[in-house]
Amino acid sequence: LTAAYLPFIKEGLRRFHDCLQNAKFPPETLTTLMREGNIWLARSQ
């Protein structure tokens, strides 16, 4: 079901991108978010 699953990941990463664009986080929070986002980016790639 890779073809069905990938669009779900990409939509979530798009929301992650928008979140980073429009919000300000302290470094420790951003580190946590980047780690979570990086896991899903690596999976999608």
PDB file of all heavy atoms in Angstrom:
ATOM      1  N   LEU A   1       0.818  -1.211   0.000  1.00  0.00           N
ATOM      2  CA  LEU A   1       0.000   0.000   0.000  1.00  0.00           C
ATOM      3  C   LEU A   1       0.851   1.261   0.000  1.00  0.00           C
ATOM      4  O   LEU A   1       0.392   2.326   0.419  1.00  0.00           O
ATOM      5  CB  LEU A   1      -0.943   0.006   1.215  1.00  0.00           C
ATOM      6  CG  LEU A   1      -1.968  -1.134   1.308  1.00  0.00           C
ATOM      7  CD1 LEU A   1      -2.897  -0.905   2.510  1.00  0.00           C
ATOM      8  CD2 LEU A   1      -2.771  -1.269   0.043  1.00  0.00           C
ATOM      9  N   THR A   2       2.088   1.155  -0.483  1.00  0.00           N
ATOM     10  CA  THR A   2       2.984   2.306  -0.486  1.00  0.00           C
ATOM     11  C   THR A   2       2.388   3.492  -1.225  1.00  0.00           C
ATOM     12  O   THR A   2       2.464   4.631  -0.754  1.00  0.00           O
ATOM     13  CB  THR A   2       4.333   1.925  -1.121  1.00  0.00           C
ATOM     14  OG1 THR A   2       4.887   0.789  -0.459  1.00  0.00           O
ATOM     15  CG2 THR A   2       5.318   3.086  -1.029  1.00  0.00           C
ATOM     16  N   ALA A   3       1.798   3.240  -2.398  1.00  0.00           N
ATOM     17  CA  ALA A   3       1.250   4.324  -3.212  1.00  0.00           C
ATOM     18  C   ALA A   3       0.134   5.061  -2.485  1.00  0.00           C
ATOM     19  O   ALA A   3      -0.037   6.275  -2.663  1.00  0.00           O
ATOM     20  CB  ALA A   3       0.739   3.768  -4.547  1.00  0.00           C
ATOM     21  N   ALA A   4      -0.644   4.368  -1.665  1.00  0.00           N
ATOM     22  CA  ALA A   4      -1.709   5.007  -0.900  1.00  0.00           C
ATOM     23  C   ALA A   4      -1.176   5.704   0.341  1.00  0.00           C
ATOM     24  O   ALA A   4      -1.732   6.718   0.792  1.00  0.00           O
ATOM     25  CB  ALA A   4      -2.769   3.970  -0.504  1.00  0.00           C
ATOM     26  N   TYR A   5      -0.085   5.187   0.906  1.00  0.00           N
ATOM     27  CA  TYR A   5       0.464   5.680   2.162  1.00  0.00           C
ATOM     28  C   TYR A   5       1.289   6.949   1.992  1.00  0.00           C
ATOM     29  O   TYR A   5       1.222   7.865   2.824  1.00  0.00           O
ATOM     30  CB  TYR A   5       1.316   4.571   2.782  1.00  0.00           C
ATOM     31  CG  TYR A   5       1.729   4.764   4.223  1.00  0.00           C
ATOM     32  CD1 TYR A   5       0.790   4.704   5.243  1.00  0.00           C
ATOM     33  CD2 TYR A   5       3.060   4.944   4.563  1.00  0.00           C
ATOM     34  CE1 TYR A   5       1.179   4.828   6.568  1.00  0.00           C
ATOM     35  CE2 TYR A   5       3.459   5.059   5.883  1.00  0.00           C
ATOM     36  CZ  TYR A   5       2.515   5.001   6.889  1.00  0.00           C
ATOM     37  OH  TYR A   5       2.901   5.124   8.197  1.00  0.00           O
ATOM     38  N   LEU A   6       2.071   7.020   0.911  1.00  0.00           N
ATOM     39  CA  LEU A   6       2.973   8.152   0.714  1.00  0.00           C
ATOM     40  C   LEU A   6       2.264   9.500   0.713  1.00  0.00           C
ATOM     41  O   LEU A   6       2.767  10.459   1.327  1.00  0.00           O
ATOM     42  CB  LEU A   6       3.770   7.972  -0.575  1.00  0.00           C
ATOM     43  CG  LEU A   6       5.141   7.307  -0.450  1.00  0.00           C
ATOM     44  CD1 LEU A   6       5.738   7.035  -1.817  1.00  0.00           C
ATOM     45  CD2 LEU A   6       6.093   8.154   0.379  1.00  0.00           C
ATOM     46  N   PRO A   7       1.114   9.659   0.046  1.00  0.00           N
ATOM     47  CA  PRO A   7       0.444  10.965   0.077  1.00  0.00           C
ATOM     48  C   PRO A   7       0.062  11.407   1.485  1.00  0.00           C
ATOM     49  O   PRO A   7       0.085  12.610   1.778  1.00  0.00           O
ATOM     50  CB  PRO A   7      -0.803  10.748  -0.798  1.00  0.00           C
ATOM     51  CG  PRO A   7      -0.417   9.640  -1.730  1.00  0.00           C
ATOM     52  CD  PRO A   7       0.453   8.730  -0.917  1.00  0.00           C
ATOM     53  N   PHE A   8      -0.265  10.468   2.366  1.00  0.00           N
ATOM     54  CA  PHE A   8      -0.571  10.825   3.750  1.00  0.00           C
ATOM     55  C   PHE A   8       0.658  11.419   4.437  1.00  0.00           C
ATOM     56  O   PHE A   8       0.558  12.405   5.178  1.00  0.00           O
ATOM     57  CB  PHE A   8      -1.061   9.605   4.524  1.00  0.00           C
ATOM     58  CG  PHE A   8      -2.341   9.001   4.033  1.00  0.00           C
ATOM     59  CD1 PHE A   8      -2.492   7.628   3.925  1.00  0.00           C
ATOM     60  CD2 PHE A   8      -3.400   9.804   3.680  1.00  0.00           C
ATOM     61  CE1 PHE A   8      -3.672   7.058   3.482  1.00  0.00           C
ATOM     62  CE2 PHE A   8      -4.604   9.252   3.225  1.00  0.00           C
ATOM     63  CZ  PHE A   8      -4.731   7.878   3.130  1.00  0.00           C
ATOM     64  N   ILE A   9       1.833  10.804   4.218  1.00  0.00           N
ATOM     65  CA  ILE A   9       3.059  11.319   4.820  1.00  0.00           C
ATOM     66  C   ILE A   9       3.369  12.717   4.288  1.00  0.00           C
ATOM     67  O   ILE A   9       3.690  13.635   5.048  1.00  0.00           O
ATOM     68  CB  ILE A   9       4.247  10.383   4.547  1.00  0.00           C
ATOM     69  CG1 ILE A   9       4.013   8.999   5.124  1.00  0.00           C
ATOM     70  CG2 ILE A   9       5.535  10.985   5.127  1.00  0.00           C
ATOM     71  CD1 ILE A   9       5.158   8.030   4.874  1.00  0.00           C
ATOM     72  N   LYS A  10       3.268  12.874   2.975  1.00  0.00           N
ATOM     73  CA  LYS A  10       3.609  14.162   2.369  1.00  0.00           C
ATOM     74  C   LYS A  10       2.675  15.267   2.839  1.00  0.00           C
ATOM     75  O   LYS A  10       3.102  16.412   3.026  1.00  0.00           O
ATOM     76  CB  LYS A  10       3.591  14.033   0.847  1.00  0.00           C
ATOM     77  CG  LYS A  10       4.718  13.160   0.305  1.00  0.00           C
ATOM     78  CD  LYS A  10       4.708  13.088  -1.209  1.00  0.00           C
ATOM     79  CE  LYS A  10       5.888  12.271  -1.723  1.00  0.00           C
ATOM     80  NZ  LYS A  10       5.923  12.191  -3.207  1.00  0.00           N
ATOM     81  N   GLU A  11       1.415  14.945   3.054  1.00  0.00           N
ATOM     82  CA  GLU A  11       0.484  15.947   3.564  1.00  0.00           C
ATOM     83  C   GLU A  11       0.873  16.355   4.977  1.00  0.00           C
ATOM     84  O   GLU A  11       0.822  17.541   5.332  1.00  0.00           O
ATOM     85  CB  GLU A  11      -0.942  15.398   3.543  1.00  0.00           C
ATOM     86  CG  GLU A  11      -1.993  16.332   4.139  1.00  0.00           C
ATOM     87  CD  GLU A  11      -2.134  17.653   3.405  1.00  0.00           C
ATOM     88  OE1 GLU A  11      -1.701  17.756   2.227  1.00  0.00           O
ATOM     89  OE2 GLU A  11      -2.653  18.614   4.011  1.00  0.00           O
ATOM     90  N   GLY A  12       1.282  15.387   5.798  1.00  0.00           N
ATOM     91  CA  GLY A  12       1.735  15.711   7.140  1.00  0.00           C
ATOM     92  C   GLY A  12       2.997  16.555   7.129  1.00  0.00           C
ATOM     93  O   GLY A  12       3.128  17.505   7.906  1.00  0.00           O
ATOM     94  N   LEU A  13       3.945  16.245   6.239  1.00  0.00           N
ATOM     95  CA  LEU A  13       5.169  17.034   6.134  1.00  0.00           C
ATOM     96  C   LEU A  13       4.873  18.447   5.641  1.00  0.00           C
ATOM     97  O   LEU A  13       5.558  19.402   6.035  1.00  0.00           O
ATOM     98  CB  LEU A  13       6.164  16.342   5.212  1.00  0.00           C
ATOM     99  CG  LEU A  13       6.776  15.037   5.733  1.00  0.00           C
ATOM    100  CD1 LEU A  13       7.662  14.396   4.670  1.00  0.00           C
ATOM    101  CD2 LEU A  13       7.571  15.272   7.003  1.00  0.00           C
ATOM    102  N   ARG A  14       3.875  18.589   4.782  1.00  0.00           N
ATOM    103  CA  ARG A  14       3.480  19.931   4.342  1.00  0.00           C
ATOM    104  C   ARG A  14       2.981  20.745   5.520  1.00  0.00           C
ATOM    105  O   ARG A  14       3.316  21.926   5.676  1.00  0.00           O
ATOM    106  CB  ARG A  14       2.393  19.850   3.273  1.00  0.00           C
ATOM    107  CG  ARG A  14       2.000  21.225   2.692  1.00  0.00           C
ATOM    108  CD  ARG A  14       0.712  21.167   1.900  1.00  0.00           C
ATOM    109  NE  ARG A  14      -0.413  20.777   2.735  1.00  0.00           N
ATOM    110  CZ  ARG A  14      -1.012  21.609   3.591  1.00  0.00           C
ATOM    111  NH1 ARG A  14      -0.597  22.854   3.735  1.00  0.00           N
ATOM    112  NH2 ARG A  14      -2.021  21.175   4.313  1.00  0.00           N
ATOM    113  N   ARG A  15       2.171  20.121   6.389  1.00  0.00           N
ATOM    114  CA  ARG A  15       1.688  20.825   7.578  1.00  0.00           C
ATOM    115  C   ARG A  15       2.850  21.160   8.513  1.00  0.00           C
ATOM    116  O   ARG A  15       2.851  22.215   9.157  1.00  0.00           O
ATOM    117  CB  ARG A  15       0.635  19.976   8.296  1.00  0.00           C
ATOM    118  CG  ARG A  15      -0.702  19.926   7.587  1.00  0.00           C
ATOM    119  CD  ARG A  15      -1.784  19.345   8.478  1.00  0.00           C
ATOM    120  NE  ARG A  15      -1.629  17.919   8.666  1.00  0.00           N
ATOM    121  CZ  ARG A  15      -2.234  17.000   7.926  1.00  0.00           C
ATOM    122  NH1 ARG A  15      -3.036  17.358   6.929  1.00  0.00           N
ATOM    123  NH2 ARG A  15      -2.060  15.710   8.165  1.00  0.00           N
ATOM    124  N   PHE A  16       3.833  20.277   8.588  1.00  0.00           N
ATOM    125  CA  PHE A  16       5.022  20.546   9.384  1.00  0.00           C
ATOM    126  C   PHE A  16       5.756  21.767   8.839  1.00  0.00           C
ATOM    127  O   PHE A  16       6.166  22.661   9.593  1.00  0.00           O
ATOM    128  CB  PHE A  16       5.919  19.314   9.359  1.00  0.00           C
ATOM    129  CG  PHE A  16       7.219  19.462  10.110  1.00  0.00           C
ATOM    130  CD1 PHE A  16       7.259  20.050  11.356  1.00  0.00           C
ATOM    131  CD2 PHE A  16       8.395  18.994   9.567  1.00  0.00           C
ATOM    132  CE1 PHE A  16       8.464  20.167  12.047  1.00  0.00           C
ATOM    133  CE2 PHE A  16       9.596  19.105  10.243  1.00  0.00           C
ATOM    134  CZ  PHE A  16       9.625  19.701  11.483  1.00  0.00           C
ATOM    135  N   HIS A  17       5.927  21.830   7.539  1.00  0.00           N
ATOM    136  CA  HIS A  17       6.565  22.960   6.889  1.00  0.00           C
ATOM    137  C   HIS A  17       5.822  24.253   7.193  1.00  0.00           C
ATOM    138  O   HIS A  17       6.425  25.276   7.541  1.00  0.00           O
ATOM    139  CB  HIS A  17       6.615  22.704   5.382  1.00  0.00           C
ATOM    140  CG  HIS A  17       6.977  23.921   4.572  1.00  0.00           C
ATOM    141  ND1 HIS A  17       6.040  24.668   3.899  1.00  0.00           N
ATOM    142  CD2 HIS A  17       8.163  24.504   4.337  1.00  0.00           C
ATOM    143  CE1 HIS A  17       6.645  25.663   3.283  1.00  0.00           C
ATOM    144  NE2 HIS A  17       7.929  25.589   3.519  1.00  0.00           N
ATOM    145  N   ASP A  18       4.502  24.241   7.075  1.00  0.00           N
ATOM    146  CA  ASP A  18       3.696  25.428   7.348  1.00  0.00           C
ATOM    147  C   ASP A  18       3.823  25.842   8.809  1.00  0.00           C
ATOM    148  O   ASP A  18       3.861  27.033   9.132  1.00  0.00           O
ATOM    149  CB  ASP A  18       2.236  25.178   6.988  1.00  0.00           C
ATOM    150  CG  ASP A  18       2.016  25.001   5.499  1.00  0.00           C
ATOM    151  OD1 ASP A  18       2.928  25.359   4.715  1.00  0.00           O
ATOM    152  OD2 ASP A  18       0.944  24.486   5.104  1.00  0.00           O
ATOM    153  N   CYS A  19       3.881  24.853   9.694  1.00  0.00           N
ATOM    154  CA  CYS A  19       4.024  25.139  11.120  1.00  0.00           C
ATOM    155  C   CYS A  19       5.341  25.859  11.394  1.00  0.00           C
ATOM    156  O   CYS A  19       5.378  26.844  12.139  1.00  0.00           O
ATOM    157  CB  CYS A  19       3.949  23.837  11.921  1.00  0.00           C
ATOM    158  SG  CYS A  19       4.252  23.981  13.700  1.00  0.00           S
ATOM    159  N   LEU A  20       6.416  25.418  10.778  1.00  0.00           N
ATOM    160  CA  LEU A  20       7.714  26.054  10.972  1.00  0.00           C
ATOM    161  C   LEU A  20       7.745  27.460  10.383  1.00  0.00           C
ATOM    162  O   LEU A  20       8.417  28.349  10.892  1.00  0.00           O
ATOM    163  CB  LEU A  20       8.813  25.203  10.341  1.00  0.00           C
ATOM    164  CG  LEU A  20       9.097  23.855  11.000  1.00  0.00           C
ATOM    165  CD1 LEU A  20      10.096  23.063  10.187  1.00  0.00           C
ATOM    166  CD2 LEU A  20       9.604  24.032  12.421  1.00  0.00           C
ATOM    167  N   GLN A  21       7.017  27.649   9.291  1.00  0.00           N
ATOM    168  CA  GLN A  21       6.969  28.950   8.646  1.00  0.00           C
ATOM    169  C   GLN A  21       6.270  29.993   9.500  1.00  0.00           C
ATOM    170  O   GLN A  21       6.645  31.170   9.507  1.00  0.00           O
ATOM    171  CB  GLN A  21       6.239  28.840   7.305  1.00  0.00           C
ATOM    172  CG  GLN A  21       7.001  28.091   6.228  1.00  0.00           C
ATOM    173  CD  GLN A  21       7.875  29.011   5.403  1.00  0.00           C
ATOM    174  OE1 GLN A  21       8.406  29.988   5.898  1.00  0.00           O
ATOM    175  NE2 GLN A  21       8.015  28.723   4.132  1.00  0.00           N
ATOM    176  N   ASN A  22       5.260  29.573  10.235  1.00  0.00           N
ATOM    177  CA  ASN A  22       4.350  30.523  10.854  1.00  0.00           C
ATOM    178  C   ASN A  22       4.417  30.578  12.371  1.00  0.00           C
ATOM    179  O   ASN A  22       3.611  31.256  13.002  1.00  0.00           O
ATOM    180  CB  ASN A  22       2.909  30.203  10.435  1.00  0.00           C
ATOM    181  CG  ASN A  22       2.728  30.250   8.926  1.00  0.00           C
ATOM    182  OD1 ASN A  22       3.162  31.185   8.273  1.00  0.00           O
ATOM    183  ND2 ASN A  22       2.097  29.235   8.354  1.00  0.00           N
ATOM    184  N   ALA A  23       5.335  29.851  12.975  1.00  0.00           N
ATOM    185  CA  ALA A  23       5.405  29.843  14.431  1.00  0.00           C
ATOM    186  C   ALA A  23       6.848  29.992  14.892  1.00  0.00           C
ATOM    187  O   ALA A  23       7.795  29.725  14.148  1.00  0.00           O
ATOM    188  CB  ALA A  23       4.795  28.547  14.987  1.00  0.00           C
ATOM    189  N   LYS A  24       7.003  30.443  16.105  1.00  0.00           N
ATOM    190  CA  LYS A  24       8.313  30.578  16.714  1.00  0.00           C
ATOM    191  C   LYS A  24       8.390  29.634  17.907  1.00  0.00           C
ATOM    192  O   LYS A  24       7.525  29.645  18.773  1.00  0.00           O
ATOM    193  CB  LYS A  24       8.566  32.017  17.155  1.00  0.00           C
ATOM    194  CG  LYS A  24       8.682  33.021  16.011  1.00  0.00           C
ATOM    195  CD  LYS A  24       9.022  34.403  16.516  1.00  0.00           C
ATOM    196  CE  LYS A  24       9.205  35.399  15.365  1.00  0.00           C
ATOM    197  NZ  LYS A  24       9.567  36.753  15.849  1.00  0.00           N
ATOM    198  N   PHE A  25       9.443  28.836  17.945  1.00  0.00           N
ATOM    199  CA  PHE A  25       9.626  27.873  19.010  1.00  0.00           C
ATOM    200  C   PHE A  25      10.990  28.066  19.661  1.00  0.00           C
ATOM    201  O   PHE A  25      11.943  28.473  19.000  1.00  0.00           O
ATOM    202  CB  PHE A  25       9.555  26.435  18.469  1.00  0.00           C
ATOM    203  CG  PHE A  25       8.311  26.133  17.691  1.00  0.00           C
ATOM    204  CD1 PHE A  25       8.388  25.750  16.362  1.00  0.00           C
ATOM    205  CD2 PHE A  25       7.073  26.226  18.286  1.00  0.00           C
ATOM    206  CE1 PHE A  25       7.253  25.463  15.639  1.00  0.00           C
ATOM    207  CE2 PHE A  25       5.926  25.954  17.565  1.00  0.00           C
ATOM    208  CZ  PHE A  25       6.015  25.569  16.246  1.00  0.00           C
ATOM    209  N   PRO A  26      11.086  27.751  20.944  1.00  0.00           N
ATOM    210  CA  PRO A  26      12.411  27.749  21.570  1.00  0.00           C
ATOM    211  C   PRO A  26      13.244  26.623  20.977  1.00  0.00           C
ATOM    212  O   PRO A  26      12.712  25.652  20.438  1.00  0.00           O
ATOM    213  CB  PRO A  26      12.097  27.514  23.049  1.00  0.00           C
ATOM    214  CG  PRO A  26      10.744  26.890  23.074  1.00  0.00           C
ATOM    215  CD  PRO A  26      10.003  27.444  21.902  1.00  0.00           C
ATOM    216  N   PRO A  27      14.574  26.738  21.081  1.00  0.00           N
ATOM    217  CA  PRO A  27      15.456  25.747  20.447  1.00  0.00           C
ATOM    218  C   PRO A  27      15.154  24.317  20.853  1.00  0.00           C
ATOM    219  O   PRO A  27      15.166  23.415  20.014  1.00  0.00           O
ATOM    220  CB  PRO A  27      16.849  26.181  20.893  1.00  0.00           C
ATOM    221  CG  PRO A  27      16.725  27.649  21.162  1.00  0.00           C
ATOM    222  CD  PRO A  27      15.335  27.844  21.698  1.00  0.00           C
ATOM    223  N   GLU A  28      14.875  24.079  22.145  1.00  0.00           N
ATOM    224  CA  GLU A  28      14.647  22.700  22.577  1.00  0.00           C
ATOM    225  C   GLU A  28      13.378  22.110  21.958  1.00  0.00           C
ATOM    226  O   GLU A  28      13.328  20.927  21.609  1.00  0.00           O
ATOM    227  CB  GLU A  28      14.581  22.607  24.104  1.00  0.00           C
ATOM    228  CG  GLU A  28      13.454  23.433  24.754  1.00  0.00           C
ATOM    229  CD  GLU A  28      13.852  24.866  25.028  1.00  0.00           C
ATOM    230  OE1 GLU A  28      14.894  25.308  24.492  1.00  0.00           O
ATOM    231  OE2 GLU A  28      13.130  25.548  25.773  1.00  0.00           O
ATOM    232  N   THR A  29      12.343  22.959  21.791  1.00  0.00           N
ATOM    233  CA  THR A  29      11.118  22.486  21.150  1.00  0.00           C
ATOM    234  C   THR A  29      11.355  22.211  19.674  1.00  0.00           C
ATOM    235  O   THR A  29      10.905  21.205  19.135  1.00  0.00           O
ATOM    236  CB  THR A  29       9.995  23.515  21.313  1.00  0.00           C
ATOM    237  OG1 THR A  29       9.736  23.731  22.702  1.00  0.00           O
ATOM    238  CG2 THR A  29       8.715  23.041  20.636  1.00  0.00           C
ATOM    239  N   LEU A  30      12.069  23.125  19.026  1.00  0.00           N
ATOM    240  CA  LEU A  30      12.340  22.946  17.609  1.00  0.00           C
ATOM    241  C   LEU A  30      13.160  21.690  17.372  1.00  0.00           C
ATOM    242  O   LEU A  30      12.955  20.979  16.380  1.00  0.00           O
ATOM    243  CB  LEU A  30      13.063  24.171  17.057  1.00  0.00           C
ATOM    244  CG  LEU A  30      13.239  24.212  15.538  1.00  0.00           C
ATOM    245  CD1 LEU A  30      11.890  24.179  14.840  1.00  0.00           C
ATOM    246  CD2 LEU A  30      14.018  25.459  15.127  1.00  0.00           C
ATOM    247  N   THR A  31      14.084  21.387  18.275  1.00  0.00           N
ATOM    248  CA  THR A  31      14.879  20.171  18.152  1.00  0.00           C
ATOM    249  C   THR A  31      13.991  18.933  18.177  1.00  0.00           C
ATOM    250  O   THR A  31      14.164  18.014  17.376  1.00  0.00           O
ATOM    251  CB  THR A  31      15.921  20.098  19.277  1.00  0.00           C
ATOM    252  OG1 THR A  31      16.798  21.224  19.196  1.00  0.00           O
ATOM    253  CG2 THR A  31      16.748  18.822  19.176  1.00  0.00           C
ATOM    254  N   THR A  32      13.026  18.901  19.091  1.00  0.00           N
ATOM    255  CA  THR A  32      12.097  17.778  19.178  1.00  0.00           C
ATOM    256  C   THR A  32      11.265  17.652  17.910  1.00  0.00           C
ATOM    257  O   THR A  32      11.082  16.563  17.374  1.00  0.00           O
ATOM    258  CB  THR A  32      11.168  17.943  20.393  1.00  0.00           C
ATOM    259  OG1 THR A  32      11.937  17.983  21.587  1.00  0.00           O
ATOM    260  CG2 THR A  32      10.182  16.783  20.485  1.00  0.00           C
ATOM    261  N   LEU A  33      10.762  18.777  17.414  1.00  0.00           N
ATOM    262  CA  LEU A  33       9.938  18.764  16.218  1.00  0.00           C
ATOM    263  C   LEU A  33      10.749  18.322  15.001  1.00  0.00           C
ATOM    264  O   LEU A  33      10.270  17.558  14.159  1.00  0.00           O
ATOM    265  CB  LEU A  33       9.332  20.145  15.967  1.00  0.00           C
ATOM    266  CG  LEU A  33       8.493  20.756  17.091  1.00  0.00           C
ATOM    267  CD1 LEU A  33       7.776  22.010  16.610  1.00  0.00           C
ATOM    268  CD2 LEU A  33       7.497  19.758  17.635  1.00  0.00           C
ATOM    269  N   MET A  34      11.983  18.824  14.893  1.00  0.00           N
ATOM    270  CA  MET A  34      12.836  18.447  13.782  1.00  0.00           C
ATOM    271  C   MET A  34      13.143  16.951  13.804  1.00  0.00           C
ATOM    272  O   MET A  34      13.186  16.302  12.761  1.00  0.00           O
ATOM    273  CB  MET A  34      14.133  19.250  13.826  1.00  0.00           C
ATOM    274  CG  MET A  34      13.972  20.719  13.452  1.00  0.00           C
ATOM    275  SD  MET A  34      13.690  20.957  11.699  1.00  0.00           S
ATOM    276  CE  MET A  34      15.269  20.461  11.016  1.00  0.00           C
ATOM    277  N   ARG A  35      13.347  16.417  14.996  1.00  0.00           N
ATOM    278  CA  ARG A  35      13.626  14.980  15.105  1.00  0.00           C
ATOM    279  C   ARG A  35      12.426  14.163  14.612  1.00  0.00           C
ATOM    280  O   ARG A  35      12.582  13.200  13.856  1.00  0.00           O
ATOM    281  CB  ARG A  35      13.949  14.630  16.559  1.00  0.00           C
ATOM    282  CG  ARG A  35      14.386  13.179  16.754  1.00  0.00           C
ATOM    283  CD  ARG A  35      14.660  12.873  18.219  1.00  0.00           C
ATOM    284  NE  ARG A  35      15.704  13.702  18.770  1.00  0.00           N
ATOM    285  CZ  ARG A  35      15.515  14.612  19.717  1.00  0.00           C
ATOM    286  NH1 ARG A  35      14.310  14.804  20.231  1.00  0.00           N
ATOM    287  NH2 ARG A  35      16.527  15.331  20.160  1.00  0.00           N
ATOM    288  N   GLU A  36      11.218  14.540  15.017  1.00  0.00           N
ATOM    289  CA  GLU A  36      10.006  13.842  14.581  1.00  0.00           C
ATOM    290  C   GLU A  36       9.815  13.985  13.075  1.00  0.00           C
ATOM    291  O   GLU A  36       9.529  13.014  12.367  1.00  0.00           O
ATOM    292  CB  GLU A  36       8.790  14.395  15.332  1.00  0.00           C
ATOM    293  CG  GLU A  36       7.524  13.566  15.204  1.00  0.00           C
ATOM    294  CD  GLU A  36       7.472  12.397  16.157  1.00  0.00           C
ATOM    295  OE1 GLU A  36       8.147  12.459  17.206  1.00  0.00           O
ATOM    296  OE2 GLU A  36       6.753  11.443  15.864  1.00  0.00           O
ATOM    297  N   GLY A  37       9.983  15.211  12.577  1.00  0.00           N
ATOM    298  CA  GLY A  37       9.832  15.440  11.154  1.00  0.00           C
ATOM    299  C   GLY A  37      10.874  14.707  10.335  1.00  0.00           C
ATOM    300  O   GLY A  37      10.583  14.202   9.250  1.00  0.00           O
ATOM    301  N   ASN A  38      12.101  14.636  10.860  1.00  0.00           N
ATOM    302  CA  ASN A  38      13.178  13.966  10.137  1.00  0.00           C
ATOM    303  C   ASN A  38      12.914  12.474   9.993  1.00  0.00           C
ATOM    304  O   ASN A  38      13.260  11.871   8.976  1.00  0.00           O
ATOM    305  CB  ASN A  38      14.505  14.204  10.854  1.00  0.00           C
ATOM    306  CG  ASN A  38      15.683  13.640  10.086  1.00  0.00           C
ATOM    307  OD1 ASN A  38      15.918  14.014   8.941  1.00  0.00           O
ATOM    308  ND2 ASN A  38      16.427  12.742  10.718  1.00  0.00           N
ATOM    309  N   ILE A  39      12.311  11.849  11.007  1.00  0.00           N
ATOM    310  CA  ILE A  39      11.970  10.431  10.926  1.00  0.00           C
ATOM    311  C   ILE A  39      11.026  10.186   9.754  1.00  0.00           C
ATOM    312  O   ILE A  39      11.239   9.280   8.944  1.00  0.00           O
ATOM    313  CB  ILE A  39      11.340   9.943  12.241  1.00  0.00           C
ATOM    314  CG1 ILE A  39      12.391   9.887  13.350  1.00  0.00           C
ATOM    315  CG2 ILE A  39      10.703   8.575  12.062  1.00  0.00           C
ATOM    316  CD1 ILE A  39      11.814   9.579  14.722  1.00  0.00           C
ATOM    317  N   TRP A  40       9.994  11.010   9.649  1.00  0.00           N
ATOM    318  CA  TRP A  40       9.012  10.804   8.592  1.00  0.00           C
ATOM    319  C   TRP A  40       9.553  11.203   7.223  1.00  0.00           C
ATOM    320  O   TRP A  40       9.181  10.593   6.210  1.00  0.00           O
ATOM    321  CB  TRP A  40       7.723  11.560   8.919  1.00  0.00           C
ATOM    322  CG  TRP A  40       6.951  10.831   9.975  1.00  0.00           C
ATOM    323  CD1 TRP A  40       6.879  11.130  11.306  1.00  0.00           C
ATOM    324  CD2 TRP A  40       6.187   9.643   9.787  1.00  0.00           C
ATOM    325  NE1 TRP A  40       6.108  10.208  11.959  1.00  0.00           N
ATOM    326  CE2 TRP A  40       5.665   9.283  11.047  1.00  0.00           C
ATOM    327  CE3 TRP A  40       5.881   8.858   8.688  1.00  0.00           C
ATOM    328  CZ2 TRP A  40       4.858   8.162  11.235  1.00  0.00           C
ATOM    329  CZ3 TRP A  40       5.085   7.736   8.868  1.00  0.00           C
ATOM    330  CH2 TRP A  40       4.578   7.405  10.131  1.00  0.00           C
ATOM    331  N   LEU A  41      10.434  12.191   7.168  1.00  0.00           N
ATOM    332  CA  LEU A  41      11.079  12.516   5.901  1.00  0.00           C
ATOM    333  C   LEU A  41      11.925  11.343   5.429  1.00  0.00           C
ATOM    334  O   LEU A  41      11.888  10.968   4.249  1.00  0.00           O
ATOM    335  CB  LEU A  41      11.946  13.765   6.046  1.00  0.00           C
ATOM    336  CG  LEU A  41      12.737  14.160   4.795  1.00  0.00           C
ATOM    337  CD1 LEU A  41      11.799  14.556   3.669  1.00  0.00           C
ATOM    338  CD2 LEU A  41      13.714  15.293   5.111  1.00  0.00           C
ATOM    339  N   ALA A  42      12.704  10.752   6.344  1.00  0.00           N
ATOM    340  CA  ALA A  42      13.545   9.611   5.990  1.00  0.00           C
ATOM    341  C   ALA A  42      12.704   8.426   5.533  1.00  0.00           C
ATOM    342  O   ALA A  42      13.052   7.716   4.586  1.00  0.00           O
ATOM    343  CB  ALA A  42      14.431   9.215   7.172  1.00  0.00           C
ATOM    344  N   ARG A  43      11.578   8.190   6.194  1.00  0.00           N
ATOM    345  CA  ARG A  43      10.691   7.105   5.788  1.00  0.00           C
ATOM    346  C   ARG A  43      10.142   7.348   4.383  1.00  0.00           C
ATOM    347  O   ARG A  43      10.129   6.438   3.547  1.00  0.00           O
ATOM    348  CB  ARG A  43       9.533   6.962   6.776  1.00  0.00           C
ATOM    349  CG  ARG A  43       9.938   6.383   8.127  1.00  0.00           C
ATOM    350  CD  ARG A  43       8.764   6.323   9.098  1.00  0.00           C
ATOM    351  NE  ARG A  43       9.155   5.742  10.370  1.00  0.00           N
ATOM    352  CZ  ARG A  43       8.363   5.603  11.416  1.00  0.00           C
ATOM    353  NH1 ARG A  43       7.109   6.015  11.326  1.00  0.00           N
ATOM    354  NH2 ARG A  43       8.798   5.060  12.548  1.00  0.00           N
ATOM    355  N   SER A  44       9.692   8.572   4.121  1.00  0.00           N
ATOM    356  CA  SER A  44       9.110   8.862   2.816  1.00  0.00           C
ATOM    357  C   SER A  44      10.144   8.737   1.707  1.00  0.00           C
ATOM    358  O   SER A  44       9.853   8.223   0.623  1.00  0.00           O
ATOM    359  CB  SER A  44       8.478  10.263   2.805  1.00  0.00           C
ATOM    360  OG  SER A  44       9.463  11.287   2.897  1.00  0.00           O
ATOM    361  N   GLN A  45      11.377   9.190   1.962  1.00  0.00           N
ATOM    362  CA  GLN A  45      12.420   9.101   0.947  1.00  0.00           C
ATOM    363  C   GLN A  45      12.789   7.653   0.657  1.00  0.00           C
ATOM    364  O   GLN A  45      13.028   7.281  -0.500  1.00  0.00           O
ATOM    365  CB  GLN A  45      13.647   9.901   1.383  1.00  0.00           C
ATOM    366  CG  GLN A  45      13.416  11.411   1.382  1.00  0.00           C
ATOM    367  CD  GLN A  45      14.621  12.190   1.896  1.00  0.00           C
ATOM    368  OE1 GLN A  45      15.417  11.679   2.676  1.00  0.00           O
ATOM    369  NE2 GLN A  45      14.751  13.436   1.478  1.00  0.00           N
TER     370      GLN A  45
END
